[in-house]
């Protein structure tokens, strides 16, 4: 699969089959993810693969939703595994332990790149993922026993898609998001 095809066809998957994603497949995923770029090559990402069904249940209980149930709960409970995306804090965007960018928590940018890399590689391998960010991060952190100086940022249920993926939602036109020299000066 070409990169452009993976980007255009990858979708969030919320229904999985009972077929297990193997440890070998997961290793292939993480072999790709380790090459994702990061601030100063800090590689602040850490991943906890959760296969224990009781722990999966507890993690999904940390999912939040203001009205009703988080749409990722059911698929997470049926997933072959959950990948808890974690970050070492105080490193990315920092010098001497101090934040040096206007935007605190630069690790979120690095984790975004690593997570997108993981999701695209999973899609290429015929696997499905969805990024879950609406959760009690501290409770999840405790459940996977993260030490001080690390944060649980997102959870990725992973499995084999149970249904054929539909076309994606509409996207902004390039002309509506790219400007030349100054904001508002359309480039295309």
Protein backbone atom coordinates (compact mmCIF):
# COMPACT_ATOMS: atom_id res chain seq x y z
CA UNK A 1 0.00 0.00 0.00
CA UNK A 2 1.31 3.43 -0.90
CA UNK A 3 1.43 6.09 1.80
CA UNK A 4 -1.11 8.32 0.04
CA UNK A 5 -3.57 5.42 -0.16
CA UNK A 6 -3.09 4.63 3.55
CA UNK A 7 -3.72 8.26 4.49
CA UNK A 8 -6.83 8.54 2.33
CA UNK A 9 -8.38 5.20 3.31
CA UNK A 10 -7.52 4.84 6.99
CA UNK A 11 -10.60 5.25 9.22
CA UNK A 12 -11.32 4.91 12.92
CA UNK A 13 -12.48 1.35 13.51
CA UNK A 14 -15.00 0.62 16.26
CA UNK A 15 -15.97 -2.96 15.37
CA UNK A 16 -13.53 -5.85 15.50
CA UNK A 17 -13.61 -9.57 14.75
CA UNK A 18 -12.59 -12.20 17.30
CA UNK A 19 -9.32 -12.82 15.43
CA UNK A 20 -6.35 -11.93 17.63
CA UNK A 21 -3.67 -9.45 16.67
CA UNK A 22 -0.45 -11.36 17.30
CA UNK A 23 2.53 -10.20 19.32
CA UNK A 24 4.58 -10.46 16.12
CA UNK A 25 2.20 -8.03 14.38
CA UNK A 26 2.42 -5.66 17.33
CA UNK A 27 6.20 -5.84 17.20
CA UNK A 28 6.07 -4.89 13.51
CA UNK A 29 3.91 -1.88 14.41
CA UNK A 30 6.28 -0.68 17.09
CA UNK A 31 9.30 -1.26 14.87
CA UNK A 32 7.78 1.32 12.52
CA UNK A 33 6.69 3.69 15.30
CA UNK A 34 10.17 3.90 16.76
CA UNK A 35 11.22 5.79 13.62
CA UNK A 36 8.68 8.60 14.15
CA UNK A 37 10.29 12.03 14.54
CA UNK A 38 10.32 13.84 17.88
CA UNK A 39 11.64 17.05 19.45
CA UNK A 40 15.44 16.72 19.57
CA UNK A 41 15.04 12.96 18.96
CA UNK A 42 13.82 12.62 22.55
CA UNK A 43 11.46 9.75 21.64
CA UNK A 44 9.32 10.42 24.71
CA UNK A 45 6.69 7.85 23.80
CA UNK A 46 6.09 4.67 25.77
CA UNK A 47 3.38 2.10 25.03
CA UNK A 48 1.63 -0.34 27.33
CA UNK A 49 -0.06 -3.21 25.47
CA UNK A 50 -2.99 -4.49 27.51
CA UNK A 51 -4.36 -7.95 26.74
CA UNK A 52 -5.74 -8.93 30.15
CA UNK A 53 -9.54 -8.80 29.78
CA UNK A 54 -10.12 -7.65 33.38
CA UNK A 55 -7.65 -4.81 32.95
CA UNK A 56 -9.21 -3.89 29.60
CA UNK A 57 -12.58 -3.67 31.37
CA UNK A 58 -11.12 -1.42 34.08
CA UNK A 59 -9.46 0.85 31.53
CA UNK A 60 -12.69 1.23 29.56
CA UNK A 61 -14.40 2.22 32.81
CA UNK A 62 -12.10 5.28 32.83
CA UNK A 63 -13.61 6.46 29.53
CA UNK A 64 -15.76 9.54 30.01
CA UNK A 65 -18.66 11.03 28.16
CA UNK A 66 -20.81 13.95 29.19
CA UNK A 67 -23.97 12.45 27.73
CA UNK A 68 -24.32 8.70 27.45
CA UNK A 69 -21.61 6.19 26.80
CA UNK A 70 -18.27 6.86 25.16
CA UNK A 71 -18.59 5.35 21.64
CA UNK A 72 -15.20 3.67 22.05
CA UNK A 73 -16.21 1.62 25.10
CA UNK A 74 -17.80 -1.31 23.30
CA UNK A 75 -15.06 -1.66 20.69
CA UNK A 76 -12.37 -1.39 23.35
CA UNK A 77 -13.91 -4.26 25.27
CA UNK A 78 -13.97 -6.35 22.07
CA UNK A 79 -10.47 -5.36 20.92
CA UNK A 80 -7.64 -7.83 20.63
CA UNK A 81 -5.59 -5.43 22.79
CA UNK A 82 -5.53 -1.88 24.05
CA UNK A 83 -2.43 0.19 23.46
CA UNK A 84 -2.04 2.84 26.14
CA UNK A 85 -0.04 5.69 24.61
CA UNK A 86 2.16 7.26 27.27
CA UNK A 87 4.70 10.07 27.42
CA UNK A 88 7.73 10.84 29.49
CA UNK A 89 7.20 14.43 30.63
CA UNK A 90 9.68 17.25 31.15
CA UNK A 91 11.80 16.30 28.12
CA UNK A 92 10.14 17.19 24.81
CA UNK A 93 10.03 20.95 24.31
CA UNK A 94 12.28 21.37 27.33
CA UNK A 95 15.84 22.30 28.10
CA UNK A 96 17.11 21.61 31.58
CA UNK A 97 13.67 20.33 32.59
CA UNK A 98 12.00 23.69 31.77
CA UNK A 99 9.37 24.19 29.05
CA UNK A 100 10.90 26.26 26.26
CA UNK A 101 8.02 26.59 23.85
CA UNK A 102 4.97 28.80 24.02
CA UNK A 103 2.89 25.64 24.00
CA UNK A 104 3.34 23.59 27.15
CA UNK A 105 3.43 19.82 26.93
CA UNK A 106 5.21 19.57 23.58
CA UNK A 107 5.17 15.80 24.13
CA UNK A 108 1.60 15.90 22.83
CA UNK A 109 2.94 16.86 19.41
CA UNK A 110 5.47 14.04 19.47
CA UNK A 111 2.84 11.53 20.59
CA UNK A 112 0.51 12.74 17.83
CA UNK A 113 3.15 11.93 15.24
CA UNK A 114 3.89 8.53 16.80
CA UNK A 115 0.19 7.70 17.11
CA UNK A 116 -0.52 8.63 13.49
CA UNK A 117 2.45 6.53 12.42
CA UNK A 118 1.06 3.58 14.40
CA UNK A 119 -2.46 4.00 13.00
CA UNK A 120 -1.25 4.21 9.40
CA UNK A 121 1.01 1.18 9.77
CA UNK A 122 -1.83 -0.78 11.42
CA UNK A 123 -4.11 0.12 8.50
CA UNK A 124 -1.46 -1.00 6.03
CA UNK A 125 -1.30 -4.35 7.88
CA UNK A 126 -5.09 -4.80 7.67
CA UNK A 127 -5.65 -3.86 11.32
CA UNK A 128 -8.00 -1.28 12.75
CA UNK A 129 -7.53 1.34 15.45
CA UNK A 130 -9.36 4.25 16.98
CA UNK A 131 -7.83 6.96 19.16
CA UNK A 132 -9.54 7.37 22.53
CA UNK A 133 -8.72 10.58 24.35
CA UNK A 134 -11.82 11.18 26.46
CA UNK A 135 -10.87 9.31 29.60
CA UNK A 136 -9.77 9.80 33.18
CA UNK A 137 -6.07 9.98 32.40
CA UNK A 138 -4.96 9.70 36.03
CA UNK A 139 -7.06 6.58 36.65
CA UNK A 140 -5.69 4.99 33.47
CA UNK A 141 -2.16 5.93 34.54
CA UNK A 142 -2.67 4.12 37.84
CA UNK A 143 -4.16 1.03 36.20
CA UNK A 144 -1.08 0.52 33.99
CA UNK A 145 1.29 1.43 36.85
CA UNK A 146 3.01 4.39 35.19
CA UNK A 147 5.73 5.90 37.37
CA UNK A 148 6.03 9.57 38.29
CA UNK A 149 7.12 11.68 35.31
CA UNK A 150 4.94 9.80 32.82
CA UNK A 151 1.41 10.42 31.59
CA UNK A 152 -1.21 8.19 29.97
CA UNK A 153 -2.33 10.30 27.01
CA UNK A 154 -4.57 8.09 24.85
CA UNK A 155 -5.81 4.55 24.42
CA UNK A 156 -5.83 2.76 21.05
CA UNK A 157 -8.07 -0.28 20.78
CA UNK A 158 -6.59 -2.49 18.07
CA UNK A 159 -8.04 -5.44 16.21
CA UNK A 160 -9.11 -6.80 12.87
CA UNK A 161 -11.91 -4.70 11.37
CA UNK A 162 -15.29 -6.47 11.40
CA UNK A 163 -16.81 -4.35 8.63
CA UNK A 164 -15.64 -2.81 5.39
CA UNK A 165 -14.61 0.79 5.95
CA UNK A 166 -16.75 3.49 4.39
CA UNK A 167 -15.56 6.59 2.60
CA UNK A 168 -14.32 9.33 4.88
CA UNK A 169 -16.17 12.47 5.87
CA UNK A 170 -15.86 15.65 3.80
CA UNK A 171 -12.62 17.58 4.16
CA UNK A 172 -11.71 21.23 3.78
CA UNK A 173 -10.50 22.22 0.35
CA UNK A 174 -6.78 22.97 0.12
CA UNK A 175 -7.69 26.52 -0.93
CA UNK A 176 -9.49 26.97 2.42
CA UNK A 177 -6.47 26.13 4.57
CA UNK A 178 -3.28 27.19 2.79
CA UNK A 179 -2.14 30.81 2.58
CA UNK A 180 0.80 32.58 0.97
CA UNK A 181 2.98 34.79 3.17
CA UNK A 182 0.17 36.00 5.45
CA UNK A 183 -3.00 34.48 6.82
CA UNK A 184 -5.99 35.07 4.55
CA UNK A 185 -3.92 35.51 1.39
CA UNK A 186 -5.05 32.41 -0.53
CA UNK A 187 -2.25 30.44 -2.12
CA UNK A 188 -4.38 28.23 -4.38
